[in-house]
C-alpha atoms as a PDB file:
ATOM      1  CA  UNK A   1      29.760 -30.132 -29.349  1.00  0.00           C
ATOM      2  CA  UNK A   2      28.582 -29.022 -32.786  1.00  0.00           C
ATOM      3  CA  UNK A   3      30.269 -26.597 -35.197  1.00  0.00           C
ATOM      4  CA  UNK A   4      28.200 -23.555 -34.195  1.00  0.00           C
ATOM      5  CA  UNK A   5      29.568 -23.812 -30.646  1.00  0.00           C
ATOM      6  CA  UNK A   6      33.195 -24.091 -31.784  1.00  0.00           C
ATOM      7  CA  UNK A   7      33.498 -21.174 -34.217  1.00  0.00           C
ATOM      8  CA  UNK A   8      31.211 -18.269 -33.395  1.00  0.00           C
ATOM      9  CA  UNK A   9      31.415 -15.046 -35.292  1.00  0.00           C
ATOM     10  CA  UNK A  10      31.489 -12.381 -36.471  1.00  0.00           C
ATOM     11  CA  UNK A  11      31.730 -10.641 -33.127  1.00  0.00           C
ATOM     12  CA  UNK A  12      29.760  -7.407 -32.713  1.00  0.00           C
ATOM     13  CA  UNK A  13      29.786  -4.733 -29.979  1.00  0.00           C
ATOM     14  CA  UNK A  14      26.739  -2.753 -28.984  1.00  0.00           C
ATOM     15  CA  UNK A  15      26.317   0.647 -30.612  1.00  0.00           C
ATOM     16  CA  UNK A  16      26.071   1.966 -27.022  1.00  0.00           C
ATOM     17  CA  UNK A  17      29.685   0.912 -26.333  1.00  0.00           C
ATOM     18  CA  UNK A  18      31.251   3.912 -28.052  1.00  0.00           C
ATOM     19  CA  UNK A  19      34.869   4.076 -29.161  1.00  0.00           C
ATOM     20  CA  UNK A  20      36.444   4.930 -25.807  1.00  0.00           C
ATOM     21  CA  UNK A  21      36.772   1.375 -24.529  1.00  0.00           C
ATOM     22  CA  UNK A  22      35.315   0.667 -21.120  1.00  0.00           C
ATOM     23  CA  UNK A  23      33.219  -2.271 -20.006  1.00  0.00           C
ATOM     24  CA  UNK A  24      31.910  -3.881 -23.166  1.00  0.00           C
ATOM     25  CA  UNK A  25      30.724  -7.251 -24.271  1.00  0.00           C
ATOM     26  CA  UNK A  26      30.646  -8.637 -27.780  1.00  0.00           C
ATOM     27  CA  UNK A  27      28.099 -11.054 -29.180  1.00  0.00           C
ATOM     28  CA  UNK A  28      28.167 -13.501 -32.059  1.00  0.00           C
ATOM     29  CA  UNK A  29      25.001 -15.109 -33.365  1.00  0.00           C
ATOM     30  CA  UNK A  30      24.726 -18.690 -34.569  1.00  0.00           C
ATOM     31  CA  UNK A  31      21.588 -20.445 -35.825  1.00  0.00           C
ATOM     32  CA  UNK A  32      20.409 -21.640 -32.411  1.00  0.00           C
ATOM     33  CA  UNK A  33      22.690 -19.929 -29.870  1.00  0.00           C
ATOM     34  CA  UNK A  34      24.215 -16.556 -28.978  1.00  0.00           C
ATOM     35  CA  UNK A  35      27.845 -16.349 -27.870  1.00  0.00           C
ATOM     36  CA  UNK A  36      28.957 -13.595 -25.481  1.00  0.00           C
ATOM     37  CA  UNK A  37      32.502 -12.552 -24.493  1.00  0.00           C
ATOM     38  CA  UNK A  38      34.395  -9.719 -22.823  1.00  0.00           C
ATOM     39  CA  UNK A  39      35.661  -7.370 -25.548  1.00  0.00           C
ATOM     40  CA  UNK A  40      38.801  -6.547 -23.541  1.00  0.00           C
ATOM     41  CA  UNK A  41      39.709 -10.221 -23.020  1.00  0.00           C
ATOM     42  CA  UNK A  42      38.494 -11.990 -26.175  1.00  0.00           C
ATOM     43  CA  UNK A  43      40.696 -15.057 -25.710  1.00  0.00           C
ATOM     44  CA  UNK A  44      39.111 -16.006 -22.389  1.00  0.00           C
ATOM     45  CA  UNK A  45      35.919 -17.978 -21.843  1.00  0.00           C
ATOM     46  CA  UNK A  46      32.813 -17.401 -23.920  1.00  0.00           C
ATOM     47  CA  UNK A  47      29.281 -17.734 -22.578  1.00  0.00           C
ATOM     48  CA  UNK A  48      26.764 -19.497 -24.807  1.00  0.00           C
ATOM     49  CA  UNK A  49      23.020 -18.970 -24.484  1.00  0.00           C
ATOM     50  CA  UNK A  50      20.218 -20.792 -26.241  1.00  0.00           C
ATOM     51  CA  UNK A  51      18.513 -18.337 -28.596  1.00  0.00           C
ATOM     52  CA  UNK A  52      15.258 -18.323 -26.589  1.00  0.00           C
ATOM     53  CA  UNK A  53      17.122 -17.619 -23.338  1.00  0.00           C
ATOM     54  CA  UNK A  54      19.126 -14.783 -24.923  1.00  0.00           C
ATOM     55  CA  UNK A  55      15.932 -13.256 -26.274  1.00  0.00           C
ATOM     56  CA  UNK A  56      14.268 -13.444 -22.849  1.00  0.00           C
ATOM     57  CA  UNK A  57      17.308 -11.821 -21.200  1.00  0.00           C
ATOM     58  CA  UNK A  58      17.583  -8.956 -23.656  1.00  0.00           C
ATOM     59  CA  UNK A  59      13.828  -8.323 -23.598  1.00  0.00           C
ATOM     60  CA  UNK A  60      13.901  -8.202 -19.809  1.00  0.00           C
ATOM     61  CA  UNK A  61      16.783  -5.727 -19.797  1.00  0.00           C
ATOM     62  CA  UNK A  62      15.053  -3.501 -22.358  1.00  0.00           C
ATOM     63  CA  UNK A  63      11.861  -3.368 -20.338  1.00  0.00           C
ATOM     64  CA  UNK A  64      13.447  -2.881 -16.898  1.00  0.00           C
ATOM     65  CA  UNK A  65      16.283  -0.499 -17.704  1.00  0.00           C
END
């Protein structure tokens, strides 16, 4: 496992999350991957997506929402 998988950050929440809590995810970009975690449980598991896969996912959501 390389360094970008071990120490992601900084973590960022969507501007759509608001300040009232709720169901939010945070993301942290690295050169070739995107890390995703639950903002309410940041010490639990983190999902890691290859940059191309993350881009495809977010583009799909934007166009089908």
